[in-house]
Amino acid sequence: SEARRLKRIEEKQAGTTCFACREKGHAAKNCPKATTEDGKGKSVGICYRCGSTRHTLSRCKKPADTENPMPFASCFVCSGKGHLASACPQNKAKGVYPNGGCCKICGDTAHLAKDCGLRREGTQSPLIDLNFG
């Protein structure tokens, strides 16, 4: 029934951590704290290089500053600015997996499996067989 479906969604959301504000109970797309610069619309994405909310780092055309390549990045490990969790001095070897873990494709801790270079190249993984169903 609809009531059961909504209850399952609510239970699932309770354990979800928002990637925008790092609070539990909602996803980034539903974050009440994520707004655009003008305060009108909701926007979770921000360019870590130039601060724009109209594009993300992967689409930024501004050249990277070698001294401070990501001045608008926010680290969710130390709450500092200018770096991500994968480069946080307080995070050491955990990378983007502060609770432990690694990329399920190559075993690296510097990226998520969805961003793994091996996945993009279409090469097979020593950790998992992507053809196994």
Protein backbone atom coordinates (compact mmCIF):
# COMPACT_ATOMS: atom_id res chain seq x y z
CA SER A 1 0.00 0.00 0.00
CA GLU A 2 0.95 3.67 -0.29
CA ALA A 3 1.31 4.05 3.49
CA ARG A 4 3.73 1.12 3.63
CA ARG A 5 5.75 2.52 0.72
CA LEU A 6 6.04 5.93 2.40
CA LYS A 7 7.08 4.29 5.69
CA ARG A 8 9.85 2.34 3.90
CA ILE A 9 11.08 5.55 2.27
CA GLU A 10 11.09 7.34 5.65
CA GLU A 11 13.02 4.48 7.31
CA LYS A 12 15.56 4.48 4.49
CA GLN A 13 16.01 8.27 4.73
CA ALA A 14 16.61 8.06 8.51
CA GLY A 15 19.98 6.40 7.91
CA THR A 16 20.93 8.59 4.93
CA THR A 17 23.66 11.21 5.33
CA CYS A 18 23.27 14.37 3.28
CA PHE A 19 26.32 15.11 1.10
CA ALA A 20 25.51 18.84 1.18
CA CYS A 21 25.27 19.53 4.94
CA ARG A 22 26.52 16.17 6.33
CA GLU A 23 23.47 15.77 8.60
CA LYS A 24 21.53 12.53 8.84
CA GLY A 25 17.92 12.09 7.81
CA HIS A 26 17.78 13.38 4.25
CA ALA A 27 19.54 13.22 0.90
CA ALA A 28 21.37 16.15 -0.70
CA LYS A 29 18.60 16.68 -3.24
CA ASN A 30 16.19 17.33 -0.33
CA CYS A 31 18.60 19.39 1.80
CA PRO A 32 16.87 22.37 3.46
CA LYS A 33 20.23 24.15 3.86
CA ALA A 34 21.32 23.94 0.21
CA THR A 35 20.30 27.09 -1.64
CA THR A 36 21.64 29.12 -4.53
CA GLU A 37 23.55 32.37 -4.06
CA ASP A 38 20.38 34.43 -4.54
CA GLY A 39 18.60 32.32 -1.90
CA LYS A 40 15.74 31.41 -4.23
CA GLY A 41 16.36 28.00 -5.74
CA LYS A 42 17.91 24.88 -4.33
CA SER A 43 21.35 23.90 -5.51
CA VAL A 44 23.61 21.26 -4.03
CA GLY A 45 26.43 21.47 -6.55
CA ILE A 46 29.16 24.07 -6.33
CA CYS A 47 32.31 24.45 -8.33
CA TYR A 48 35.21 23.92 -5.92
CA ARG A 49 37.49 25.99 -8.17
CA CYS A 50 35.48 29.19 -8.79
CA GLY A 51 32.50 28.92 -6.41
CA SER A 52 29.82 28.97 -9.10
CA THR A 53 26.55 27.16 -8.45
CA ARG A 54 25.86 26.96 -12.19
CA HIS A 55 28.43 24.21 -12.81
CA THR A 56 30.64 21.78 -10.91
CA LEU A 57 34.43 21.35 -10.94
CA SER A 58 34.36 18.91 -13.85
CA ARG A 59 32.83 21.58 -16.12
CA CYS A 60 34.79 24.61 -14.86
CA LYS A 61 36.69 26.55 -17.51
CA LYS A 62 38.75 28.62 -15.07
CA PRO A 63 42.38 27.44 -14.90
CA ALA A 64 43.37 25.81 -11.62
CA ASP A 65 45.53 27.80 -9.21
CA THR A 66 48.55 25.65 -8.33
CA GLU A 67 48.74 27.21 -4.84
CA ASN A 68 45.07 26.60 -3.99
CA PRO A 69 43.36 24.40 -6.62
CA MET A 70 40.01 24.08 -4.78
CA PRO A 71 39.40 27.19 -2.63
CA PHE A 72 35.63 26.59 -2.44
CA ALA A 73 35.81 22.93 -1.42
CA SER A 74 34.52 21.98 2.03
CA CYS A 75 35.99 19.03 3.86
CA PHE A 76 33.43 16.99 5.78
CA VAL A 77 36.13 15.43 8.00
CA CYS A 78 37.61 18.62 9.53
CA SER A 79 35.03 21.17 8.28
CA GLY A 80 37.90 23.13 6.72
CA LYS A 81 37.87 24.93 3.38
CA GLY A 82 40.17 24.47 0.41
CA HIS A 83 40.35 20.68 0.31
CA LEU A 84 38.16 17.59 0.18
CA ALA A 85 38.11 14.67 2.60
CA SER A 86 40.41 12.65 0.34
CA ALA A 87 43.17 15.26 0.87
CA CYS A 88 42.42 16.09 4.52
CA PRO A 89 45.46 15.95 6.81
CA GLN A 90 43.21 14.64 9.60
CA ASN A 91 41.89 11.85 7.38
CA LYS A 92 45.21 10.13 6.60
CA ALA A 93 44.76 6.95 4.55
CA LYS A 94 40.96 6.73 4.68
CA GLY A 95 40.50 9.05 1.69
CA VAL A 96 36.85 9.56 0.76
CA TYR A 97 35.89 6.66 3.07
CA PRO A 98 36.02 8.17 6.58
CA ASN A 99 34.34 5.07 8.06
CA GLY A 100 36.70 2.71 6.24
CA GLY A 101 36.34 1.01 2.89
CA CYS A 102 37.65 1.52 -0.60
CA CYS A 103 36.70 1.63 -4.25
CA LYS A 104 35.10 -1.73 -5.03
CA ILE A 105 36.72 -1.74 -8.46
CA CYS A 106 40.39 -0.95 -7.82
CA GLY A 107 40.76 -0.74 -4.02
CA ASP A 108 41.86 2.92 -3.93
CA THR A 109 40.58 5.23 -1.17
CA ALA A 110 40.92 8.48 -3.16
CA HIS A 111 37.71 8.09 -5.20
CA LEU A 112 34.31 6.38 -5.25
CA ALA A 113 33.66 3.40 -7.51
CA LYS A 114 31.42 5.56 -9.72
CA ASP A 115 34.46 7.78 -10.43
CA CYS A 116 37.00 4.97 -10.88
CA GLY A 117 39.26 5.31 -13.90
CA LEU A 118 39.18 1.56 -14.49
CA ARG A 119 35.40 1.71 -14.78
CA ARG A 120 35.61 4.49 -17.36
CA GLU A 121 38.23 2.59 -19.36
CA GLY A 122 36.08 -0.54 -19.29
CA THR A 123 38.93 -2.67 -17.95
CA GLN A 124 38.23 -5.61 -15.71
CA SER A 125 38.74 -5.31 -12.00
CA PRO A 126 40.86 -7.58 -9.84
CA LEU A 127 38.43 -6.97 -6.94
CA ILE A 128 35.08 -7.72 -8.56
CA ASP A 129 33.94 -9.33 -11.76
CA LEU A 130 31.62 -6.83 -13.41
CA ASN A 131 30.32 -9.53 -15.78
CA PHE A 132 29.14 -11.77 -12.96
CA GLY A 133 25.40 -11.44 -12.62
